[in-house]
């Protein structure tokens, strides 16, 4: 389930909520009942392990021929 970040326009309270993608965005601050908006930020993608580069999927014989 994705985590969404919200910011209250009244008290500037910043909080995160786990919601389904099909759920409607929140509109009320849990702290002061003011209006909140969803904050969008950059997500980091980290590729771990082998198989992400062209050279990872080639056979050893193919690597020596191309070098």
C-alpha atoms as a PDB file:
ATOM      1  CA  UNK A   1       0.000   0.000   0.000  1.00  0.00           C
ATOM      2  CA  UNK A   2       1.499   3.391  -0.951  1.00  0.00           C
ATOM      3  CA  UNK A   3       2.325   6.040   1.624  1.00  0.00           C
ATOM      4  CA  UNK A   4       1.152   9.578   0.860  1.00  0.00           C
ATOM      5  CA  UNK A   5       2.474  12.758   2.454  1.00  0.00           C
ATOM      6  CA  UNK A   6       0.107  15.591   3.376  1.00  0.00           C
ATOM      7  CA  UNK A   7       0.620  19.172   4.556  1.00  0.00           C
ATOM      8  CA  UNK A   8      -1.952  21.257   6.427  1.00  0.00           C
ATOM      9  CA  UNK A   9      -2.419  24.772   5.052  1.00  0.00           C
ATOM     10  CA  UNK A  10      -3.578  26.099   8.454  1.00  0.00           C
ATOM     11  CA  UNK A  11      -1.083  24.740  11.015  1.00  0.00           C
ATOM     12  CA  UNK A  12       1.569  23.422   8.560  1.00  0.00           C
ATOM     13  CA  UNK A  13       1.376  19.957  10.147  1.00  0.00           C
ATOM     14  CA  UNK A  14       3.186  17.445   7.913  1.00  0.00           C
ATOM     15  CA  UNK A  15       2.066  13.802   8.122  1.00  0.00           C
ATOM     16  CA  UNK A  16       2.065  10.544   6.161  1.00  0.00           C
ATOM     17  CA  UNK A  17      -0.851   8.151   5.591  1.00  0.00           C
ATOM     18  CA  UNK A  18      -0.951   4.684   4.026  1.00  0.00           C
ATOM     19  CA  UNK A  19      -3.852   4.579   1.570  1.00  0.00           C
ATOM     20  CA  UNK A  20      -5.020   2.477  -1.323  1.00  0.00           C
ATOM     21  CA  UNK A  21      -4.525   4.055  -4.724  1.00  0.00           C
ATOM     22  CA  UNK A  22      -8.307   3.962  -5.181  1.00  0.00           C
ATOM     23  CA  UNK A  23      -8.984   5.892  -1.922  1.00  0.00           C
ATOM     24  CA  UNK A  24      -9.935   9.547  -2.162  1.00  0.00           C
ATOM     25  CA  UNK A  25      -7.273  12.022  -0.956  1.00  0.00           C
ATOM     26  CA  UNK A  26      -7.670  13.364   2.577  1.00  0.00           C
ATOM     27  CA  UNK A  27      -9.060  16.866   2.954  1.00  0.00           C
ATOM     28  CA  UNK A  28      -9.008  17.451   6.728  1.00  0.00           C
ATOM     29  CA  UNK A  29      -6.052  17.807   9.107  1.00  0.00           C
ATOM     30  CA  UNK A  30      -6.122  15.334  12.030  1.00  0.00           C
ATOM     31  CA  UNK A  31      -4.584  17.969  14.292  1.00  0.00           C
ATOM     32  CA  UNK A  32      -6.578  21.167  13.649  1.00  0.00           C
ATOM     33  CA  UNK A  33      -9.279  20.070  11.125  1.00  0.00           C
ATOM     34  CA  UNK A  34      -7.874  22.558   8.581  1.00  0.00           C
ATOM     35  CA  UNK A  35      -7.557  21.892   4.842  1.00  0.00           C
ATOM     36  CA  UNK A  36      -4.706  19.590   3.775  1.00  0.00           C
ATOM     37  CA  UNK A  37      -3.059  19.038   0.409  1.00  0.00           C
ATOM     38  CA  UNK A  38      -1.052  16.083  -0.848  1.00  0.00           C
ATOM     39  CA  UNK A  39       2.674  16.754  -1.176  1.00  0.00           C
ATOM     40  CA  UNK A  40       4.478  15.259  -4.154  1.00  0.00           C
ATOM     41  CA  UNK A  41       8.163  14.445  -3.911  1.00  0.00           C
ATOM     42  CA  UNK A  42      10.824  12.624  -5.901  1.00  0.00           C
ATOM     43  CA  UNK A  43      10.979   8.904  -5.369  1.00  0.00           C
ATOM     44  CA  UNK A  44      14.323   7.167  -5.466  1.00  0.00           C
ATOM     45  CA  UNK A  45      14.615   3.906  -7.350  1.00  0.00           C
ATOM     46  CA  UNK A  46      17.528   1.708  -6.389  1.00  0.00           C
ATOM     47  CA  UNK A  47      18.452  -1.260  -8.548  1.00  0.00           C
ATOM     48  CA  UNK A  48      20.196  -3.908  -6.466  1.00  0.00           C
ATOM     49  CA  UNK A  49      21.792  -7.087  -7.752  1.00  0.00           C
ATOM     50  CA  UNK A  50      22.784  -8.169 -11.215  1.00  0.00           C
ATOM     51  CA  UNK A  51      20.734  -8.157 -14.412  1.00  0.00           C
ATOM     52  CA  UNK A  52      20.174  -4.421 -14.854  1.00  0.00           C
ATOM     53  CA  UNK A  53      22.872  -3.785 -17.442  1.00  0.00           C
ATOM     54  CA  UNK A  54      23.256  -5.186 -20.965  1.00  0.00           C
ATOM     55  CA  UNK A  55      26.606  -6.683 -20.023  1.00  0.00           C
ATOM     56  CA  UNK A  56      25.044  -8.673 -17.151  1.00  0.00           C
ATOM     57  CA  UNK A  57      22.894 -10.804 -19.438  1.00  0.00           C
ATOM     58  CA  UNK A  58      25.553 -11.743 -22.002  1.00  0.00           C
ATOM     59  CA  UNK A  59      27.435 -15.029 -21.959  1.00  0.00           C
ATOM     60  CA  UNK A  60      31.143 -14.964 -21.174  1.00  0.00           C
ATOM     61  CA  UNK A  61      31.927 -16.039 -24.750  1.00  0.00           C
ATOM     62  CA  UNK A  62      29.940 -13.080 -26.142  1.00  0.00           C
ATOM     63  CA  UNK A  63      31.792 -10.642 -23.859  1.00  0.00           C
ATOM     64  CA  UNK A  64      35.228 -11.788 -25.028  1.00  0.00           C
ATOM     65  CA  UNK A  65      34.221 -11.550 -28.722  1.00  0.00           C
ATOM     66  CA  UNK A  66      32.936  -7.981 -28.410  1.00  0.00           C
ATOM     67  CA  UNK A  67      35.973  -6.709 -26.450  1.00  0.00           C
END
